[in-house]
PDB file of all heavy atoms in Angstrom:
ATOM      1  N   LEU A   1      96.548 101.664 120.823  1.00  0.00           N
ATOM      2  CA  LEU A   1      96.651 102.096 119.429  1.00  0.00           C
ATOM      3  C   LEU A   1      97.558 101.168 118.623  1.00  0.00           C
ATOM      4  O   LEU A   1      97.257 100.839 117.466  1.00  0.00           O
ATOM      5  CB  LEU A   1      97.173 103.532 119.364  1.00  0.00           C
ATOM      6  CG  LEU A   1      96.238 104.615 119.913  1.00  0.00           C
ATOM      7  CD1 LEU A   1      96.928 105.972 119.906  1.00  0.00           C
ATOM      8  CD2 LEU A   1      94.943 104.670 119.115  1.00  0.00           C
ATOM      9  N   VAL A   2      98.664 100.738 119.236  1.00  0.00           N
ATOM     10  CA  VAL A   2      99.621  99.860 118.553  1.00  0.00           C
ATOM     11  C   VAL A   2      98.976  98.526 118.186  1.00  0.00           C
ATOM     12  O   VAL A   2      99.302  97.926 117.149  1.00  0.00           O
ATOM     13  CB  VAL A   2     100.873  99.638 119.426  1.00  0.00           C
ATOM     14  CG1 VAL A   2     101.700  98.472 118.931  1.00  0.00           C
ATOM     15  CG2 VAL A   2     101.726 100.898 119.449  1.00  0.00           C
ATOM     16  N   LEU A   3      98.040  98.044 118.996  1.00  0.00           N
ATOM     17  CA  LEU A   3      97.365  96.781 118.688  1.00  0.00           C
ATOM     18  C   LEU A   3      96.217  96.978 117.705  1.00  0.00           C
ATOM     19  O   LEU A   3      96.143  96.281 116.675  1.00  0.00           O
ATOM     20  CB  LEU A   3      96.825  96.135 119.968  1.00  0.00           C
ATOM     21  CG  LEU A   3      95.979  94.873 119.736  1.00  0.00           C
ATOM     22  CD1 LEU A   3      96.831  93.742 119.168  1.00  0.00           C
ATOM     23  CD2 LEU A   3      95.273  94.428 121.003  1.00  0.00           C
ATOM     24  N   TYR A   4      95.304  97.906 117.989  1.00  0.00           N
ATOM     25  CA  TYR A   4      94.042  97.958 117.249  1.00  0.00           C
ATOM     26  C   TYR A   4      94.151  98.617 115.879  1.00  0.00           C
ATOM     27  O   TYR A   4      93.419  98.234 114.957  1.00  0.00           O
ATOM     28  CB  TYR A   4      92.972  98.648 118.085  1.00  0.00           C
ATOM     29  CG  TYR A   4      92.499  97.807 119.236  1.00  0.00           C
ATOM     30  CD1 TYR A   4      92.737  98.178 120.554  1.00  0.00           C
ATOM     31  CD2 TYR A   4      91.825  96.613 119.013  1.00  0.00           C
ATOM     32  CE1 TYR A   4      92.317  97.393 121.619  1.00  0.00           C
ATOM     33  CE2 TYR A   4      91.402  95.816 120.065  1.00  0.00           C
ATOM     34  CZ  TYR A   4      91.646  96.221 121.367  1.00  0.00           C
ATOM     35  OH  TYR A   4      91.231  95.438 122.412  1.00  0.00           O
ATOM     36  N   VAL A   5      95.038  99.579 115.708  1.00  0.00           N
ATOM     37  CA  VAL A   5      95.157 100.215 114.388  1.00  0.00           C
ATOM     38  C   VAL A   5      95.619  99.209 113.335  1.00  0.00           C
ATOM     39  O   VAL A   5      94.975  99.071 112.279  1.00  0.00           O
ATOM     40  CB  VAL A   5      96.089 101.453 114.458  1.00  0.00           C
ATOM     41  CG1 VAL A   5      96.393 101.970 113.053  1.00  0.00           C
ATOM     42  CG2 VAL A   5      95.456 102.555 115.298  1.00  0.00           C
ATOM     43  N   PRO A   6      96.723  98.435 113.575  1.00  0.00           N
ATOM     44  CA  PRO A   6      97.085  97.409 112.575  1.00  0.00           C
ATOM     45  C   PRO A   6      96.047  96.296 112.463  1.00  0.00           C
ATOM     46  O   PRO A   6      95.829  95.760 111.364  1.00  0.00           O
ATOM     47  CB  PRO A   6      98.419  96.855 113.106  1.00  0.00           C
ATOM     48  CG  PRO A   6      98.951  97.900 114.014  1.00  0.00           C
ATOM     49  CD  PRO A   6      97.747  98.542 114.633  1.00  0.00           C
ATOM     50  N   MET A   7      95.391  95.916 113.584  1.00  0.00           N
ATOM     51  CA  MET A   7      94.389  94.857 113.540  1.00  0.00           C
ATOM     52  C   MET A   7      93.220  95.246 112.643  1.00  0.00           C
ATOM     53  O   MET A   7      92.780  94.460 111.788  1.00  0.00           O
ATOM     54  CB  MET A   7      93.880  94.549 114.957  1.00  0.00           C
ATOM     55  CG  MET A   7      92.893  93.403 115.026  1.00  0.00           C
ATOM     56  SD  MET A   7      92.211  93.145 116.680  1.00  0.00           S
ATOM     57  CE  MET A   7      93.588  92.376 117.508  1.00  0.00           C
ATOM     58  N   VAL A   8      92.723  96.455 112.820  1.00  0.00           N
ATOM     59  CA  VAL A   8      91.621  96.938 111.980  1.00  0.00           C
ATOM     60  C   VAL A   8      92.085  97.080 110.532  1.00  0.00           C
ATOM     61  O   VAL A   8      91.365  96.718 109.592  1.00  0.00           O
ATOM     62  CB  VAL A   8      91.092  98.284 112.516  1.00  0.00           C
ATOM     63  CG1 VAL A   8      90.086  98.897 111.543  1.00  0.00           C
ATOM     64  CG2 VAL A   8      90.442  98.094 113.881  1.00  0.00           C
ATOM     65  N   GLY A   9      93.312  97.580 110.352  1.00  0.00           N
ATOM     66  CA  GLY A   9      93.848  97.736 108.998  1.00  0.00           C
ATOM     67  C   GLY A   9      93.946  96.417 108.256  1.00  0.00           C
ATOM     68  O   GLY A   9      93.565  96.321 107.077  1.00  0.00           O
ATOM     69  N   LEU A  10      94.438  95.364 108.940  1.00  0.00           N
ATOM     70  CA  LEU A  10      94.554  94.053 108.312  1.00  0.00           C
ATOM     71  C   LEU A  10      93.179  93.481 107.979  1.00  0.00           C
ATOM     72  O   LEU A  10      92.958  92.933 106.895  1.00  0.00           O
ATOM     73  CB  LEU A  10      95.304  93.089 109.231  1.00  0.00           C
ATOM     74  CG  LEU A  10      95.498  91.661 108.714  1.00  0.00           C
ATOM     75  CD1 LEU A  10      96.368  91.659 107.465  1.00  0.00           C
ATOM     76  CD2 LEU A  10      96.105  90.768 109.798  1.00  0.00           C
ATOM     77  N   SER A  11      92.227  93.626 108.904  1.00  0.00           N
ATOM     78  CA  SER A  11      90.877  93.120 108.679  1.00  0.00           C
ATOM     79  C   SER A  11      90.219  93.819 107.494  1.00  0.00           C
ATOM     80  O   SER A  11      89.603  93.172 106.635  1.00  0.00           O
ATOM     81  CB  SER A  11      90.038  93.309 109.943  1.00  0.00           C
ATOM     82  OG  SER A  11      88.733  92.826 109.758  1.00  0.00           O
ATOM     83  N   MET A  12      90.363  95.138 107.426  1.00  0.00           N
ATOM     84  CA  MET A  12      89.771  95.887 106.322  1.00  0.00           C
ATOM     85  C   MET A  12      90.437  95.537 104.993  1.00  0.00           C
ATOM     86  O   MET A  12      89.778  95.470 103.944  1.00  0.00           O
ATOM     87  CB  MET A  12      89.909  97.399 106.579  1.00  0.00           C
ATOM     88  CG  MET A  12      89.103  97.915 107.767  1.00  0.00           C
ATOM     89  SD  MET A  12      87.314  97.674 107.598  1.00  0.00           S
ATOM     90  CE  MET A  12      87.077  96.236 108.656  1.00  0.00           C
ATOM     91  N   THR A  13      91.746  95.306 105.019  1.00  0.00           N
ATOM     92  CA  THR A  13      92.473  94.953 103.796  1.00  0.00           C
ATOM     93  C   THR A  13      91.966  93.631 103.226  1.00  0.00           C
ATOM     94  O   THR A  13      91.746  93.497 102.019  1.00  0.00           O
ATOM     95  CB  THR A  13      93.987  94.858 104.078  1.00  0.00           C
ATOM     96  OG1 THR A  13      94.457  96.113 104.568  1.00  0.00           O
ATOM     97  CG2 THR A  13      94.753  94.508 102.811  1.00  0.00           C
ATOM     98  N   HIS A  14      91.760  92.635 104.117  1.00  0.00           N
ATOM     99  CA  HIS A  14      91.296  91.324 103.659  1.00  0.00           C
ATOM    100  C   HIS A  14      89.855  91.373 103.165  1.00  0.00           C
ATOM    101  O   HIS A  14      89.483  90.622 102.256  1.00  0.00           O
ATOM    102  CB  HIS A  14      91.425  90.299 104.792  1.00  0.00           C
ATOM    103  CG  HIS A  14      92.778  89.667 104.861  1.00  0.00           C
ATOM    104  ND1 HIS A  14      93.184  88.667 104.020  1.00  0.00           N
ATOM    105  CD2 HIS A  14      93.836  89.918 105.675  1.00  0.00           C
ATOM    106  CE1 HIS A  14      94.420  88.308 104.302  1.00  0.00           C
ATOM    107  NE2 HIS A  14      94.847  89.048 105.295  1.00  0.00           N
ATOM    108  N   ARG A  15      89.039  92.244 103.737  1.00  0.00           N
ATOM    109  CA  ARG A  15      87.622  92.269 103.378  1.00  0.00           C
ATOM    110  C   ARG A  15      87.331  93.170 102.180  1.00  0.00           C
ATOM    111  O   ARG A  15      86.470  92.862 101.371  1.00  0.00           O
ATOM    112  CB  ARG A  15      86.781  92.721 104.578  1.00  0.00           C
ATOM    113  CG  ARG A  15      86.689  91.655 105.667  1.00  0.00           C
ATOM    114  CD  ARG A  15      85.743  92.060 106.772  1.00  0.00           C
ATOM    115  NE  ARG A  15      85.621  90.984 107.762  1.00  0.00           N
ATOM    116  CZ  ARG A  15      84.770  89.974 107.668  1.00  0.00           C
ATOM    117  NH1 ARG A  15      83.961  89.896 106.633  1.00  0.00           N
ATOM    118  NH2 ARG A  15      84.734  89.035 108.590  1.00  0.00           N
ATOM    119  N   PHE A  16      88.036  94.319 102.091  1.00  0.00           N
ATOM    120  CA  PHE A  16      87.657  95.316 101.092  1.00  0.00           C
ATOM    121  C   PHE A  16      88.752  95.638 100.082  1.00  0.00           C
ATOM    122  O   PHE A  16      88.514  96.416  99.152  1.00  0.00           O
ATOM    123  CB  PHE A  16      87.238  96.615 101.794  1.00  0.00           C
ATOM    124  CG  PHE A  16      86.130  96.426 102.789  1.00  0.00           C
ATOM    125  CD1 PHE A  16      86.357  96.606 104.150  1.00  0.00           C
ATOM    126  CD2 PHE A  16      84.862  96.052 102.367  1.00  0.00           C
ATOM    127  CE1 PHE A  16      85.335  96.424 105.075  1.00  0.00           C
ATOM    128  CE2 PHE A  16      83.836  95.868 103.282  1.00  0.00           C
ATOM    129  CZ  PHE A  16      84.068  96.052 104.640  1.00  0.00           C
ATOM    130  N   ALA A  17      89.957  95.074 100.256  1.00  0.00           N
ATOM    131  CA  ALA A  17      91.047  95.379  99.317  1.00  0.00           C
ATOM    132  C   ALA A  17      91.737  94.096  98.862  1.00  0.00           C
ATOM    133  O   ALA A  17      92.954  94.001  98.836  1.00  0.00           O
ATOM    134  CB  ALA A  17      92.053  96.333  99.975  1.00  0.00           C
ATOM    135  N   ARG A  18      90.920  93.100  98.516  1.00  0.00           N
ATOM    136  CA  ARG A  18      91.482  91.808  98.106  1.00  0.00           C
ATOM    137  C   ARG A  18      92.316  91.921  96.837  1.00  0.00           C
ATOM    138  O   ARG A  18      93.191  91.096  96.587  1.00  0.00           O
ATOM    139  CB  ARG A  18      90.356  90.791  97.899  1.00  0.00           C
ATOM    140  CG  ARG A  18      89.631  90.425  99.186  1.00  0.00           C
ATOM    141  CD  ARG A  18      88.525  89.428  98.921  1.00  0.00           C
ATOM    142  NE  ARG A  18      87.758  89.142 100.129  1.00  0.00           N
ATOM    143  CZ  ARG A  18      86.694  88.365 100.171  1.00  0.00           C
ATOM    144  NH1 ARG A  18      86.249  87.797  99.053  1.00  0.00           N
ATOM    145  NH2 ARG A  18      86.050  88.149 101.300  1.00  0.00           N
ATOM    146  N   ASN A  19      92.033  92.902  96.001  1.00  0.00           N
ATOM    147  CA  ASN A  19      92.765  93.065  94.745  1.00  0.00           C
ATOM    148  C   ASN A  19      93.984  93.966  94.886  1.00  0.00           C
ATOM    149  O   ASN A  19      94.641  94.270  93.889  1.00  0.00           O
ATOM    150  CB  ASN A  19      91.834  93.642  93.669  1.00  0.00           C
ATOM    151  CG  ASN A  19      90.685  92.696  93.346  1.00  0.00           C
ATOM    152  OD1 ASN A  19      90.858  91.477  93.345  1.00  0.00           O
ATOM    153  ND2 ASN A  19      89.513  93.259  93.049  1.00  0.00           N
ATOM    154  N   ALA A  20      94.264  94.388  96.108  1.00  0.00           N
ATOM    155  CA  ALA A  20      95.451  95.217  96.326  1.00  0.00           C
ATOM    156  C   ALA A  20      96.712  94.400  96.096  1.00  0.00           C
ATOM    157  O   ALA A  20      96.684  93.161  96.042  1.00  0.00           O
ATOM    158  CB  ALA A  20      95.438  95.777  97.744  1.00  0.00           C
ATOM    159  N   SER A  21      97.833  95.077  95.966  1.00  0.00           N
ATOM    160  CA  SER A  21      99.119  94.399  95.751  1.00  0.00           C
ATOM    161  C   SER A  21      99.395  93.404  96.879  1.00  0.00           C
ATOM    162  O   SER A  21      99.123  93.694  98.039  1.00  0.00           O
ATOM    163  CB  SER A  21     100.237  95.442  95.703  1.00  0.00           C
ATOM    164  OG  SER A  21     101.498  94.830  95.820  1.00  0.00           O
ATOM    165  N   PRO A  22      99.913  92.202  96.544  1.00  0.00           N
ATOM    166  CA  PRO A  22     100.269  91.240  97.599  1.00  0.00           C
ATOM    167  C   PRO A  22     101.218  91.818  98.637  1.00  0.00           C
ATOM    168  O   PRO A  22     101.168  91.442  99.806  1.00  0.00           O
ATOM    169  CB  PRO A  22     100.936  90.100  96.816  1.00  0.00           C
ATOM    170  CG  PRO A  22     100.384  90.196  95.439  1.00  0.00           C
ATOM    171  CD  PRO A  22     100.149  91.662  95.198  1.00  0.00           C
ATOM    172  N   LEU A  23     102.058  92.758  98.204  1.00  0.00           N
ATOM    173  CA  LEU A  23     102.990  93.387  99.143  1.00  0.00           C
ATOM    174  C   LEU A  23     102.248  94.150 100.234  1.00  0.00           C
ATOM    175  O   LEU A  23     102.690  94.193 101.380  1.00  0.00           O
ATOM    176  CB  LEU A  23     103.934  94.332  98.385  1.00  0.00           C
ATOM    177  CG  LEU A  23     105.053  94.985  99.205  1.00  0.00           C
ATOM    178  CD1 LEU A  23     105.959  93.923  99.820  1.00  0.00           C
ATOM    179  CD2 LEU A  23     105.858  95.943  98.328  1.00  0.00           C
ATOM    180  N   VAL A  24     101.101  94.742  99.878  1.00  0.00           N
ATOM    181  CA  VAL A  24     100.290  95.472 100.858  1.00  0.00           C
ATOM    182  C   VAL A  24      99.774  94.513 101.929  1.00  0.00           C
ATOM    183  O   VAL A  24      99.856  94.793 103.130  1.00  0.00           O
ATOM    184  CB  VAL A  24      99.109  96.191 100.166  1.00  0.00           C
ATOM    185  CG1 VAL A  24      98.163  96.795 101.201  1.00  0.00           C
ATOM    186  CG2 VAL A  24      99.623  97.266  99.217  1.00  0.00           C
ATOM    187  N   HIS A  25      99.251  93.348 101.502  1.00  0.00           N
ATOM    188  CA  HIS A  25      98.725  92.356 102.443  1.00  0.00           C
ATOM    189  C   HIS A  25      99.824  91.834 103.368  1.00  0.00           C
ATOM    190  O   HIS A  25      99.621  91.711 104.582  1.00  0.00           O
ATOM    191  CB  HIS A  25      98.090  91.190 101.675  1.00  0.00           C
ATOM    192  CG  HIS A  25      96.818  91.542 100.996  1.00  0.00           C
ATOM    193  ND1 HIS A  25      95.587  91.444 101.616  1.00  0.00           N
ATOM    194  CD2 HIS A  25      96.567  92.003  99.748  1.00  0.00           C
ATOM    195  CE1 HIS A  25      94.629  91.815 100.771  1.00  0.00           C
ATOM    196  NE2 HIS A  25      95.198  92.158  99.635  1.00  0.00           N
ATOM    197  N   VAL A  26     100.982  91.533 102.804  1.00  0.00           N
ATOM    198  CA  VAL A  26     102.094  91.003 103.600  1.00  0.00           C
ATOM    199  C   VAL A  26     102.588  92.048 104.595  1.00  0.00           C
ATOM    200  O   VAL A  26     102.859  91.742 105.762  1.00  0.00           O
ATOM    201  CB  VAL A  26     103.240  90.543 102.673  1.00  0.00           C
ATOM    202  CG1 VAL A  26     104.497  90.221 103.480  1.00  0.00           C
ATOM    203  CG2 VAL A  26     102.809  89.327 101.878  1.00  0.00           C
ATOM    204  N   THR A  27     102.699  93.285 104.134  1.00  0.00           N
ATOM    205  CA  THR A  27     103.170  94.364 105.020  1.00  0.00           C
ATOM    206  C   THR A  27     102.209  94.586 106.176  1.00  0.00           C
ATOM    207  O   THR A  27     102.621  94.721 107.329  1.00  0.00           O
ATOM    208  CB  THR A  27     103.341  95.673 104.221  1.00  0.00           C
ATOM    209  OG1 THR A  27     104.265  95.457 103.150  1.00  0.00           O
ATOM    210  CG2 THR A  27     103.854  96.790 105.129  1.00  0.00           C
ATOM    211  N   MET A  28     100.893  94.600 105.885  1.00  0.00           N
ATOM    212  CA  MET A  28      99.901  94.795 106.941  1.00  0.00           C
ATOM    213  C   MET A  28      99.938  93.663 107.956  1.00  0.00           C
ATOM    214  O   MET A  28      99.840  93.889 109.173  1.00  0.00           O
ATOM    215  CB  MET A  28      98.494  94.888 106.327  1.00  0.00           C
ATOM    216  CG  MET A  28      98.216  96.161 105.555  1.00  0.00           C
ATOM    217  SD  MET A  28      98.387  97.653 106.562  1.00  0.00           S
ATOM    218  CE  MET A  28      97.181  97.354 107.849  1.00  0.00           C
ATOM    219  N   ALA A  29     100.111  92.415 107.478  1.00  0.00           N
ATOM    220  CA  ALA A  29     100.171  91.270 108.397  1.00  0.00           C
ATOM    221  C   ALA A  29     101.401  91.344 109.293  1.00  0.00           C
ATOM    222  O   ALA A  29     101.325  91.071 110.501  1.00  0.00           O
ATOM    223  CB  ALA A  29     100.179  89.963 107.603  1.00  0.00           C
ATOM    224  N   ASN A  30     102.525  91.733 108.715  1.00  0.00           N
ATOM    225  CA  ASN A  30     103.757  91.830 109.513  1.00  0.00           C
ATOM    226  C   ASN A  30     103.665  92.937 110.559  1.00  0.00           C
ATOM    227  O   ASN A  30     104.126  92.768 111.698  1.00  0.00           O
ATOM    228  CB  ASN A  30     104.965  92.065 108.600  1.00  0.00           C
ATOM    229  CG  ASN A  30     105.376  90.819 107.840  1.00  0.00           C
ATOM    230  OD1 ASN A  30     105.258  89.707 108.350  1.00  0.00           O
ATOM    231  ND2 ASN A  30     105.848  90.985 106.617  1.00  0.00           N
ATOM    232  N   ILE A  31     103.073  94.061 110.189  1.00  0.00           N
ATOM    233  CA  ILE A  31     102.899  95.161 111.153  1.00  0.00           C
ATOM    234  C   ILE A  31     101.968  94.726 112.281  1.00  0.00           C
ATOM    235  O   ILE A  31     102.241  94.955 113.467  1.00  0.00           O
ATOM    236  CB  ILE A  31     102.347  96.416 110.443  1.00  0.00           C
ATOM    237  CG1 ILE A  31     103.394  96.988 109.484  1.00  0.00           C
ATOM    238  CG2 ILE A  31     101.940  97.483 111.472  1.00  0.00           C
ATOM    239  CD1 ILE A  31     102.872  98.122 108.624  1.00  0.00           C
ATOM    240  N   TYR A  32     100.869  94.057 111.912  1.00  0.00           N
ATOM    241  CA  TYR A  32      99.883  93.607 112.895  1.00  0.00           C
ATOM    242  C   TYR A  32     100.493  92.635 113.910  1.00  0.00           C
ATOM    243  O   TYR A  32     100.211  92.712 115.116  1.00  0.00           O
ATOM    244  CB  TYR A  32      98.719  92.958 112.139  1.00  0.00           C
ATOM    245  CG  TYR A  32      97.867  92.020 112.950  1.00  0.00           C
ATOM    246  CD1 TYR A  32      97.172  92.452 114.070  1.00  0.00           C
ATOM    247  CD2 TYR A  32      97.713  90.682 112.557  1.00  0.00           C
ATOM    248  CE1 TYR A  32      96.370  91.583 114.800  1.00  0.00           C
ATOM    249  CE2 TYR A  32      96.910  89.817 113.281  1.00  0.00           C
ATOM    250  CZ  TYR A  32      96.246  90.270 114.403  1.00  0.00           C
ATOM    251  OH  TYR A  32      95.458  89.417 115.123  1.00  0.00           O
ATOM    252  N   LEU A  33     101.359  91.734 113.449  1.00  0.00           N
ATOM    253  CA  LEU A  33     101.910  90.699 114.325  1.00  0.00           C
ATOM    254  C   LEU A  33     103.182  91.110 115.038  1.00  0.00           C
ATOM    255  O   LEU A  33     103.507  90.577 116.100  1.00  0.00           O
ATOM    256  CB  LEU A  33     102.162  89.418 113.517  1.00  0.00           C
ATOM    257  CG  LEU A  33     100.904  88.729 112.970  1.00  0.00           C
ATOM    258  CD1 LEU A  33     101.273  87.611 112.020  1.00  0.00           C
ATOM    259  CD2 LEU A  33     100.050  88.198 114.119  1.00  0.00           C
ATOM    260  N   LEU A  34     103.928  92.065 114.486  1.00  0.00           N
ATOM    261  CA  LEU A  34     105.215  92.439 115.075  1.00  0.00           C
ATOM    262  C   LEU A  34     105.175  93.745 115.866  1.00  0.00           C
ATOM    263  O   LEU A  34     105.962  93.930 116.794  1.00  0.00           O
ATOM    264  CB  LEU A  34     106.284  92.542 113.978  1.00  0.00           C
ATOM    265  CG  LEU A  34     106.760  91.222 113.381  1.00  0.00           C
ATOM    266  CD1 LEU A  34     107.692  91.478 112.200  1.00  0.00           C
ATOM    267  CD2 LEU A  34     107.454  90.373 114.423  1.00  0.00           C
ATOM    268  N   ALA A  35     104.263  94.653 115.499  1.00  0.00           N
ATOM    269  CA  ALA A  35     104.249  95.960 116.165  1.00  0.00           C
ATOM    270  C   ALA A  35     103.999  95.874 117.674  1.00  0.00           C
ATOM    271  O   ALA A  35     104.763  96.445 118.462  1.00  0.00           O
ATOM    272  CB  ALA A  35     103.228  96.886 115.497  1.00  0.00           C
ATOM    273  N   PRO A  36     102.950  95.165 118.144  1.00  0.00           N
ATOM    274  CA  PRO A  36     102.720  95.130 119.603  1.00  0.00           C
ATOM    275  C   PRO A  36     103.869  94.509 120.412  1.00  0.00           C
ATOM    276  O   PRO A  36     104.310  95.112 121.400  1.00  0.00           O
ATOM    277  CB  PRO A  36     101.429  94.308 119.729  1.00  0.00           C
ATOM    278  CG  PRO A  36     100.730  94.496 118.430  1.00  0.00           C
ATOM    279  CD  PRO A  36     101.821  94.535 117.413  1.00  0.00           C
ATOM    280  N   PRO A  37     104.403  93.325 120.028  1.00  0.00           N
ATOM    281  CA  PRO A  37     105.494  92.761 120.832  1.00  0.00           C
ATOM    282  C   PRO A  37     106.755  93.612 120.843  1.00  0.00           C
ATOM    283  O   PRO A  37     107.505  93.592 121.820  1.00  0.00           O
ATOM    284  CB  PRO A  37     105.769  91.403 120.145  1.00  0.00           C
ATOM    285  CG  PRO A  37     104.545  91.081 119.386  1.00  0.00           C
ATOM    286  CD  PRO A  37     103.983  92.397 118.952  1.00  0.00           C
ATOM    287  N   VAL A  38     106.991  94.350 119.760  1.00  0.00           N
ATOM    288  CA  VAL A  38     108.191  95.190 119.686  1.00  0.00           C
ATOM    289  C   VAL A  38     107.979  96.516 120.412  1.00  0.00           C
ATOM    290  O   VAL A  38     108.842  96.983 121.173  1.00  0.00           O
ATOM    291  CB  VAL A  38     108.593  95.440 118.215  1.00  0.00           C
ATOM    292  CG1 VAL A  38     109.711  96.487 118.132  1.00  0.00           C
ATOM    293  CG2 VAL A  38     109.048  94.138 117.560  1.00  0.00           C
ATOM    294  N   MET A  39     106.821  97.133 120.190  1.00  0.00           N
ATOM    295  CA  MET A  39     106.598  98.491 120.691  1.00  0.00           C
ATOM    296  C   MET A  39     106.197  98.545 122.164  1.00  0.00           C
ATOM    297  O   MET A  39     106.549  99.499 122.871  1.00  0.00           O
ATOM    298  CB  MET A  39     105.532  99.191 119.849  1.00  0.00           C
ATOM    299  CG  MET A  39     105.951  99.488 118.423  1.00  0.00           C
ATOM    300  SD  MET A  39     107.471 100.468 118.329  1.00  0.00           S
ATOM    301  CE  MET A  39     106.960 101.951 119.214  1.00  0.00           C
ATOM    302  N   ASN A  40     105.450  97.551 122.658  1.00  0.00           N
ATOM    303  CA  ASN A  40     104.971  97.607 124.043  1.00  0.00           C
ATOM    304  C   ASN A  40     106.089  97.733 125.074  1.00  0.00           C
ATOM    305  O   ASN A  40     106.010  98.583 125.969  1.00  0.00           O
ATOM    306  CB  ASN A  40     104.081  96.397 124.348  1.00  0.00           C
ATOM    307  CG  ASN A  40     102.708  96.512 123.718  1.00  0.00           C
ATOM    308  OD1 ASN A  40     102.268  97.612 123.369  1.00  0.00           O
ATOM    309  ND2 ASN A  40     102.025  95.395 123.549  1.00  0.00           N
ATOM    310  N   PRO A  41     107.147  96.897 125.014  1.00  0.00           N
ATOM    311  CA  PRO A  41     108.227  97.076 126.003  1.00  0.00           C
ATOM    312  C   PRO A  41     108.932  98.421 125.879  1.00  0.00           C
ATOM    313  O   PRO A  41     109.359  98.990 126.887  1.00  0.00           O
ATOM    314  CB  PRO A  41     109.185  95.905 125.710  1.00  0.00           C
ATOM    315  CG  PRO A  41     108.826  95.415 124.364  1.00  0.00           C
ATOM    316  CD  PRO A  41     107.388  95.720 124.163  1.00  0.00           C
ATOM    317  N   ILE A  42     109.030  98.928 124.649  1.00  0.00           N
ATOM    318  CA  ILE A  42     109.660 100.256 124.467  1.00  0.00           C
ATOM    319  C   ILE A  42     108.783 101.336 125.090  1.00  0.00           C
ATOM    320  O   ILE A  42     109.271 102.221 125.813  1.00  0.00           O
ATOM    321  CB  ILE A  42     109.878 100.528 122.956  1.00  0.00           C
ATOM    322  CG1 ILE A  42     110.887  99.540 122.377  1.00  0.00           C
ATOM    323  CG2 ILE A  42     110.354 101.971 122.739  1.00  0.00           C
ATOM    324  CD1 ILE A  42     111.054  99.638 120.869  1.00  0.00           C
TER     325      ILE A  42
END
């Protein structure tokens, strides 16, 4: 879940929410790239 939920969210944001706030895109990318390495060992 930690990997695929942000991955799908980022993909959907780039394809269907291009006009969303830049902060949304940056936040989704950071969650996608940082959540698995941080959460998996925990």
